[in-house]
Amino acid sequence: MFEEQRVVNTLSDKINDLLTKFEELKAQNESLRNEIVSVKAQSEAKDAQIAKLQEELRAKDLESEDIFEKIEAVLGR
């Protein structure tokens, strides 16, 4: 009888420990999900910024080519 009660108590303690750990992991999981959402939003913003800078670079390249062509025309090439 005492042995059975000890086993039941031990199992009850282990179940409580597992439930506590489960709740901690659920909270951690939610926190990580929120962090992922935030990082994805930051990534999308950076992608948009990179695309804008690439477009500006293309425009500057075209402008440079135009300037070089005018210089060559002035120099008579």
N, C-alpha and C. Protein backbone atom coordinates (compact mmCIF):
# COMPACT_ATOMS: atom_id res chain seq x y z
N MET A 1 0.82 -1.19 0.00
CA MET A 1 0.00 0.00 0.00
C MET A 1 0.86 1.26 0.00
N PHE A 2 1.86 1.29 0.88
CA PHE A 2 2.74 2.46 0.92
C PHE A 2 3.56 2.58 -0.36
N GLU A 3 3.94 1.43 -0.89
CA GLU A 3 4.72 1.42 -2.13
C GLU A 3 3.88 1.98 -3.28
N GLU A 4 2.63 1.59 -3.35
CA GLU A 4 1.74 2.08 -4.40
C GLU A 4 1.54 3.60 -4.28
N GLN A 5 1.38 4.06 -3.05
CA GLN A 5 1.21 5.50 -2.84
C GLN A 5 2.46 6.26 -3.26
N ARG A 6 3.63 5.72 -2.97
CA ARG A 6 4.88 6.34 -3.36
C ARG A 6 5.00 6.40 -4.87
N VAL A 7 4.63 5.32 -5.55
CA VAL A 7 4.67 5.28 -7.01
C VAL A 7 3.70 6.31 -7.59
N VAL A 8 2.50 6.39 -7.04
CA VAL A 8 1.50 7.35 -7.52
C VAL A 8 2.02 8.78 -7.31
N ASN A 9 2.60 9.03 -6.15
CA ASN A 9 3.14 10.36 -5.88
C ASN A 9 4.28 10.71 -6.84
N THR A 10 5.15 9.74 -7.08
CA THR A 10 6.27 9.96 -8.01
C THR A 10 5.75 10.25 -9.41
N LEU A 11 4.79 9.47 -9.86
CA LEU A 11 4.20 9.69 -11.19
C LEU A 11 3.50 11.04 -11.25
N SER A 12 2.80 11.40 -10.22
CA SER A 12 2.12 12.68 -10.17
C SER A 12 3.13 13.83 -10.26
N ASP A 13 4.22 13.72 -9.52
CA ASP A 13 5.27 14.74 -9.59
C ASP A 13 5.85 14.84 -10.99
N LYS A 14 6.09 13.71 -11.62
CA LYS A 14 6.66 13.72 -12.98
C LYS A 14 5.68 14.32 -13.98
N ILE A 15 4.40 14.02 -13.81
CA ILE A 15 3.40 14.60 -14.71
C ILE A 15 3.34 16.11 -14.52
N ASN A 16 3.39 16.56 -13.27
CA ASN A 16 3.39 18.00 -13.02
C ASN A 16 4.62 18.67 -13.61
N ASP A 17 5.77 18.03 -13.50
CA ASP A 17 7.00 18.56 -14.11
C ASP A 17 6.86 18.66 -15.62
N LEU A 18 6.28 17.61 -16.22
CA LEU A 18 6.08 17.62 -17.67
C LEU A 18 5.11 18.73 -18.10
N LEU A 19 4.06 18.92 -17.34
CA LEU A 19 3.10 19.98 -17.67
C LEU A 19 3.74 21.35 -17.55
N THR A 20 4.56 21.54 -16.54
CA THR A 20 5.26 22.81 -16.37
C THR A 20 6.20 23.04 -17.54
N LYS A 21 6.95 22.01 -17.90
CA LYS A 21 7.89 22.13 -19.02
C LYS A 21 7.13 22.40 -20.32
N PHE A 22 5.98 21.74 -20.49
CA PHE A 22 5.15 21.94 -21.68
C PHE A 22 4.71 23.39 -21.78
N GLU A 23 4.25 23.98 -20.70
CA GLU A 23 3.80 25.37 -20.70
C GLU A 23 4.97 26.32 -21.00
N GLU A 24 6.14 26.02 -20.43
CA GLU A 24 7.32 26.84 -20.71
C GLU A 24 7.68 26.78 -22.19
N LEU A 25 7.62 25.59 -22.76
CA LEU A 25 7.96 25.43 -24.18
C LEU A 25 6.92 26.08 -25.09
N LYS A 26 5.65 26.03 -24.67
CA LYS A 26 4.61 26.73 -25.44
C LYS A 26 4.87 28.22 -25.48
N ALA A 27 5.23 28.79 -24.32
CA ALA A 27 5.52 30.22 -24.26
C ALA A 27 6.74 30.56 -25.10
N GLN A 28 7.77 29.72 -25.03
CA GLN A 28 8.98 29.95 -25.82
C GLN A 28 8.67 29.84 -27.31
N ASN A 29 7.85 28.89 -27.68
CA ASN A 29 7.46 28.70 -29.07
C ASN A 29 6.72 29.94 -29.59
N GLU A 30 5.81 30.47 -28.80
CA GLU A 30 5.08 31.67 -29.19
C GLU A 30 6.03 32.86 -29.36
N SER A 31 6.97 32.97 -28.44
CA SER A 31 7.95 34.05 -28.53
C SER A 31 8.78 33.92 -29.81
N LEU A 32 9.20 32.71 -30.12
CA LEU A 32 9.98 32.49 -31.34
C LEU A 32 9.16 32.76 -32.60
N ARG A 33 7.90 32.40 -32.57
CA ARG A 33 7.03 32.70 -33.72
C ARG A 33 6.92 34.21 -33.94
N ASN A 34 6.76 34.95 -32.85
CA ASN A 34 6.70 36.40 -32.96
C ASN A 34 8.00 36.98 -33.49
N GLU A 35 9.10 36.41 -33.04
CA GLU A 35 10.41 36.87 -33.52
C GLU A 35 10.57 36.59 -35.01
N ILE A 36 10.09 35.45 -35.46
CA ILE A 36 10.16 35.11 -36.89
C ILE A 36 9.36 36.11 -37.71
N VAL A 37 8.17 36.46 -37.24
CA VAL A 37 7.34 37.44 -37.95
C VAL A 37 8.08 38.77 -38.06
N SER A 38 8.70 39.18 -36.98
CA SER A 38 9.43 40.44 -36.96
C SER A 38 10.62 40.40 -37.92
N VAL A 39 11.37 39.31 -37.88
CA VAL A 39 12.55 39.18 -38.75
C VAL A 39 12.13 39.12 -40.22
N LYS A 40 11.02 38.46 -40.52
CA LYS A 40 10.53 38.42 -41.90
C LYS A 40 10.17 39.82 -42.38
N ALA A 41 9.54 40.60 -41.53
CA ALA A 41 9.18 41.97 -41.91
C ALA A 41 10.43 42.80 -42.15
N GLN A 42 11.43 42.63 -41.30
CA GLN A 42 12.69 43.35 -41.49
C GLN A 42 13.36 42.93 -42.79
N SER A 43 13.30 41.64 -43.09
CA SER A 43 13.90 41.13 -44.31
C SER A 43 13.20 41.71 -45.54
N GLU A 44 11.89 41.78 -45.51
CA GLU A 44 11.15 42.35 -46.63
C GLU A 44 11.50 43.83 -46.81
N ALA A 45 11.65 44.55 -45.72
CA ALA A 45 12.03 45.96 -45.80
C ALA A 45 13.42 46.11 -46.41
N LYS A 46 14.34 45.24 -46.00
CA LYS A 46 15.70 45.29 -46.55
C LYS A 46 15.69 44.94 -48.04
N ASP A 47 14.89 43.94 -48.41
CA ASP A 47 14.78 43.57 -49.83
C ASP A 47 14.28 44.75 -50.66
N ALA A 48 13.29 45.46 -50.13
CA ALA A 48 12.76 46.62 -50.85
C ALA A 48 13.83 47.70 -50.96
N GLN A 49 14.58 47.90 -49.89
CA GLN A 49 15.65 48.90 -49.90
C GLN A 49 16.73 48.51 -50.92
N ILE A 50 17.09 47.24 -50.96
CA ILE A 50 18.10 46.76 -51.91
C ILE A 50 17.62 46.97 -53.34
N ALA A 51 16.36 46.63 -53.61
CA ALA A 51 15.80 46.81 -54.95
C ALA A 51 15.85 48.28 -55.36
N LYS A 52 15.51 49.17 -54.43
CA LYS A 52 15.55 50.61 -54.72
C LYS A 52 16.97 51.06 -55.02
N LEU A 53 17.92 50.61 -54.22
CA LEU A 53 19.32 50.98 -54.45
C LEU A 53 19.86 50.43 -55.77
N GLN A 54 19.43 49.21 -56.13
CA GLN A 54 19.85 48.65 -57.42
C GLN A 54 19.31 49.48 -58.57
N GLU A 55 18.08 49.92 -58.44
CA GLU A 55 17.48 50.75 -59.49
C GLU A 55 18.21 52.08 -59.58
N GLU A 56 18.53 52.66 -58.42
CA GLU A 56 19.29 53.92 -58.44
C GLU A 56 20.66 53.72 -59.08
N LEU A 57 21.29 52.61 -58.81
CA LEU A 57 22.60 52.31 -59.40
C LEU A 57 22.50 52.19 -60.91
N ARG A 58 21.45 51.50 -61.38
CA ARG A 58 21.26 51.39 -62.84
C ARG A 58 21.08 52.77 -63.47
N ALA A 59 20.31 53.62 -62.80
CA ALA A 59 20.09 54.97 -63.32
C ALA A 59 21.41 55.75 -63.35
N LYS A 60 22.22 55.62 -62.33
CA LYS A 60 23.52 56.31 -62.28
C LYS A 60 24.45 55.78 -63.37
N ASP A 61 24.40 54.46 -63.60
CA ASP A 61 25.23 53.89 -64.67
C ASP A 61 24.84 54.46 -66.03
N LEU A 62 23.54 54.56 -66.27
CA LEU A 62 23.08 55.14 -67.54
C LEU A 62 23.50 56.60 -67.65
N GLU A 63 23.41 57.32 -66.54
CA GLU A 63 23.82 58.72 -66.53
C GLU A 63 25.32 58.84 -66.81
N SER A 64 26.11 57.94 -66.21
CA SER A 64 27.56 57.96 -66.44
C SER A 64 27.88 57.67 -67.90
N GLU A 65 27.19 56.68 -68.48
CA GLU A 65 27.42 56.35 -69.88
C GLU A 65 27.11 57.55 -70.77
N ASP A 66 26.02 58.23 -70.46
CA ASP A 66 25.62 59.41 -71.24
C ASP A 66 26.68 60.50 -71.13
N ILE A 67 27.20 60.72 -69.94
CA ILE A 67 28.24 61.73 -69.74
C ILE A 67 29.51 61.36 -70.51
N PHE A 68 29.90 60.09 -70.45
CA PHE A 68 31.09 59.66 -71.19
C PHE A 68 30.91 59.83 -72.70
N GLU A 69 29.73 59.54 -73.20
CA GLU A 69 29.46 59.72 -74.63
C GLU A 69 29.57 61.20 -75.01
N LYS A 70 29.08 62.07 -74.17
CA LYS A 70 29.17 63.52 -74.45
C LYS A 70 30.63 63.97 -74.42
N ILE A 71 31.40 63.47 -73.45
CA ILE A 71 32.82 63.82 -73.38
C ILE A 71 33.55 63.35 -74.63
N GLU A 72 33.27 62.11 -75.06
CA GLU A 72 33.90 61.59 -76.26
C GLU A 72 33.51 62.41 -77.48
N ALA A 73 32.25 62.84 -77.54
CA ALA A 73 31.80 63.66 -78.67
C ALA A 73 32.52 65.00 -78.69
N VAL A 74 32.71 65.57 -77.51
CA VAL A 74 33.42 66.86 -77.41
C VAL A 74 34.88 66.68 -77.83
N LEU A 75 35.47 65.58 -77.45
CA LEU A 75 36.88 65.33 -77.76
C LEU A 75 37.05 64.88 -79.21
N GLY A 76 35.97 64.64 -79.89
CA GLY A 76 36.03 64.30 -81.30
C GLY A 76 36.34 62.86 -81.59
N ARG A 77 35.95 61.99 -80.74
CA ARG A 77 36.24 60.57 -80.98
C ARG A 77 35.13 59.91 -81.71
